[in-house]
């Protein structure tokens, strides 16, 4: 399994910095697909990709580009930040 390590600096209150280190992108794509009663093929066709790529996104084997995240957001009718989140890698 691929683990993406992200280091982000965010301006915090009082000109301080908040550093998010060792964060992993996670998603709820499989849950959303099941709720919509769609197949991998359905999602792939609607987002102009293939079922294998969707499977890889759902199983954290690959992280979608911003463009693909926006396509998935439009397909599921949910904001990108509801589909994807950062979580601390243990």
C-alpha atoms as a PDB file:
ATOM      1  CA  UNK A   1       0.000   0.000   0.000  1.00  0.00           C
ATOM      2  CA  UNK A   2       1.274   3.453  -0.899  1.00  0.00           C
ATOM      3  CA  UNK A   3       1.491   5.911   1.974  1.00  0.00           C
ATOM      4  CA  UNK A   4       1.642   9.552   1.011  1.00  0.00           C
ATOM      5  CA  UNK A   5       3.404  11.758   3.496  1.00  0.00           C
ATOM      6  CA  UNK A   6       2.326  15.368   3.334  1.00  0.00           C
ATOM      7  CA  UNK A   7       3.993  18.284   5.088  1.00  0.00           C
ATOM      8  CA  UNK A   8       1.886  21.443   5.016  1.00  0.00           C
ATOM      9  CA  UNK A   9       2.504  24.777   6.707  1.00  0.00           C
ATOM     10  CA  UNK A  10      -0.586  26.804   7.479  1.00  0.00           C
ATOM     11  CA  UNK A  11      -0.550  30.316   8.895  1.00  0.00           C
ATOM     12  CA  UNK A  12      -2.014  30.090  12.351  1.00  0.00           C
ATOM     13  CA  UNK A  13      -3.384  32.703  14.716  1.00  0.00           C
ATOM     14  CA  UNK A  14      -0.890  35.340  15.807  1.00  0.00           C
ATOM     15  CA  UNK A  15       1.373  34.720  12.797  1.00  0.00           C
ATOM     16  CA  UNK A  16       2.253  31.275  14.127  1.00  0.00           C
ATOM     17  CA  UNK A  17       2.456  28.204  11.931  1.00  0.00           C
ATOM     18  CA  UNK A  18       0.584  24.956  12.122  1.00  0.00           C
ATOM     19  CA  UNK A  19       2.515  22.059  10.576  1.00  0.00           C
ATOM     20  CA  UNK A  20       0.634  19.018   9.421  1.00  0.00           C
ATOM     21  CA  UNK A  21       3.241  16.283   9.102  1.00  0.00           C
ATOM     22  CA  UNK A  22       2.821  12.628   8.131  1.00  0.00           C
ATOM     23  CA  UNK A  23      -0.747  13.064   6.971  1.00  0.00           C
ATOM     24  CA  UNK A  24      -2.490  10.616   4.663  1.00  0.00           C
ATOM     25  CA  UNK A  25      -5.318  11.348   2.237  1.00  0.00           C
ATOM     26  CA  UNK A  26      -8.318   9.163   3.028  1.00  0.00           C
ATOM     27  CA  UNK A  27     -11.698   8.992   1.360  1.00  0.00           C
ATOM     28  CA  UNK A  28     -15.235   7.674   1.627  1.00  0.00           C
ATOM     29  CA  UNK A  29     -15.624   6.894  -2.088  1.00  0.00           C
ATOM     30  CA  UNK A  30     -16.622   3.251  -1.668  1.00  0.00           C
ATOM     31  CA  UNK A  31     -19.279   4.175   0.906  1.00  0.00           C
ATOM     32  CA  UNK A  32     -20.681   6.874  -1.406  1.00  0.00           C
ATOM     33  CA  UNK A  33     -20.712   4.491  -4.371  1.00  0.00           C
ATOM     34  CA  UNK A  34     -22.576   1.832  -2.360  1.00  0.00           C
ATOM     35  CA  UNK A  35     -25.111   4.423  -1.144  1.00  0.00           C
ATOM     36  CA  UNK A  36     -25.721   5.436  -4.761  1.00  0.00           C
ATOM     37  CA  UNK A  37     -25.967   1.745  -5.740  1.00  0.00           C
ATOM     38  CA  UNK A  38     -23.457   2.306  -8.530  1.00  0.00           C
ATOM     39  CA  UNK A  39     -20.849  -0.077  -9.892  1.00  0.00           C
ATOM     40  CA  UNK A  40     -17.183   0.738 -10.368  1.00  0.00           C
ATOM     41  CA  UNK A  41     -17.942   0.776 -14.088  1.00  0.00           C
ATOM     42  CA  UNK A  42     -20.762   3.311 -13.602  1.00  0.00           C
ATOM     43  CA  UNK A  43     -18.501   5.695 -11.698  1.00  0.00           C
ATOM     44  CA  UNK A  44     -15.640   5.224 -14.146  1.00  0.00           C
ATOM     45  CA  UNK A  45     -17.798   6.009 -17.166  1.00  0.00           C
ATOM     46  CA  UNK A  46     -19.354   9.060 -15.501  1.00  0.00           C
ATOM     47  CA  UNK A  47     -15.946  10.464 -14.536  1.00  0.00           C
ATOM     48  CA  UNK A  48     -14.202   9.602 -17.821  1.00  0.00           C
ATOM     49  CA  UNK A  49     -11.898   6.934 -16.431  1.00  0.00           C
ATOM     50  CA  UNK A  50     -12.035   3.164 -15.913  1.00  0.00           C
ATOM     51  CA  UNK A  51     -13.299   0.895 -13.157  1.00  0.00           C
ATOM     52  CA  UNK A  52      -9.777  -0.152 -12.141  1.00  0.00           C
ATOM     53  CA  UNK A  53      -8.770   3.448 -11.433  1.00  0.00           C
ATOM     54  CA  UNK A  54     -11.883   3.991  -9.307  1.00  0.00           C
ATOM     55  CA  UNK A  55     -11.083   0.775  -7.396  1.00  0.00           C
ATOM     56  CA  UNK A  56      -7.559   2.088  -6.753  1.00  0.00           C
ATOM     57  CA  UNK A  57      -8.941   5.375  -5.382  1.00  0.00           C
ATOM     58  CA  UNK A  58     -11.408   3.559  -3.129  1.00  0.00           C
ATOM     59  CA  UNK A  59      -8.716   1.252  -1.745  1.00  0.00           C
ATOM     60  CA  UNK A  60      -6.056   3.931  -1.172  1.00  0.00           C
ATOM     61  CA  UNK A  61      -3.797   2.536  -3.889  1.00  0.00           C
ATOM     62  CA  UNK A  62      -3.842   5.856  -5.724  1.00  0.00           C
ATOM     63  CA  UNK A  63      -4.754   9.470  -4.945  1.00  0.00           C
ATOM     64  CA  UNK A  64      -6.857  11.283  -7.549  1.00  0.00           C
ATOM     65  CA  UNK A  65      -5.771  14.526  -9.156  1.00  0.00           C
ATOM     66  CA  UNK A  66      -7.646  17.693  -8.281  1.00  0.00           C
ATOM     67  CA  UNK A  67      -9.512  17.431 -11.588  1.00  0.00           C
ATOM     68  CA  UNK A  68     -10.633  13.880 -10.816  1.00  0.00           C
ATOM     69  CA  UNK A  69     -11.596  14.853  -7.250  1.00  0.00           C
ATOM     70  CA  UNK A  70     -13.823  17.556  -8.736  1.00  0.00           C
ATOM     71  CA  UNK A  71     -15.385  15.057 -11.176  1.00  0.00           C
ATOM     72  CA  UNK A  72     -16.077  12.649  -8.323  1.00  0.00           C
ATOM     73  CA  UNK A  73     -17.530  15.509  -6.291  1.00  0.00           C
ATOM     74  CA  UNK A  74     -19.906  16.381  -9.137  1.00  0.00           C
ATOM     75  CA  UNK A  75     -20.885  12.725  -9.652  1.00  0.00           C
ATOM     76  CA  UNK A  76     -21.684  12.121  -5.990  1.00  0.00           C
ATOM     77  CA  UNK A  77     -23.160  15.593  -5.423  1.00  0.00           C
ATOM     78  CA  UNK A  78     -20.913  16.186  -2.422  1.00  0.00           C
ATOM     79  CA  UNK A  79     -18.195  18.757  -1.760  1.00  0.00           C
ATOM     80  CA  UNK A  80     -14.622  17.537  -2.214  1.00  0.00           C
ATOM     81  CA  UNK A  81     -13.921  17.978   1.506  1.00  0.00           C
ATOM     82  CA  UNK A  82     -16.710  15.496   2.308  1.00  0.00           C
ATOM     83  CA  UNK A  83     -15.183  12.894  -0.024  1.00  0.00           C
ATOM     84  CA  UNK A  84     -11.544  13.393   0.980  1.00  0.00           C
ATOM     85  CA  UNK A  85      -9.779  14.249   4.223  1.00  0.00           C
ATOM     86  CA  UNK A  86      -6.328  14.233   5.783  1.00  0.00           C
ATOM     87  CA  UNK A  87      -5.638  11.943   8.684  1.00  0.00           C
ATOM     88  CA  UNK A  88      -2.580  11.489  10.837  1.00  0.00           C
ATOM     89  CA  UNK A  89      -0.441   8.525   9.820  1.00  0.00           C
ATOM     90  CA  UNK A  90       0.479   6.441  12.882  1.00  0.00           C
END
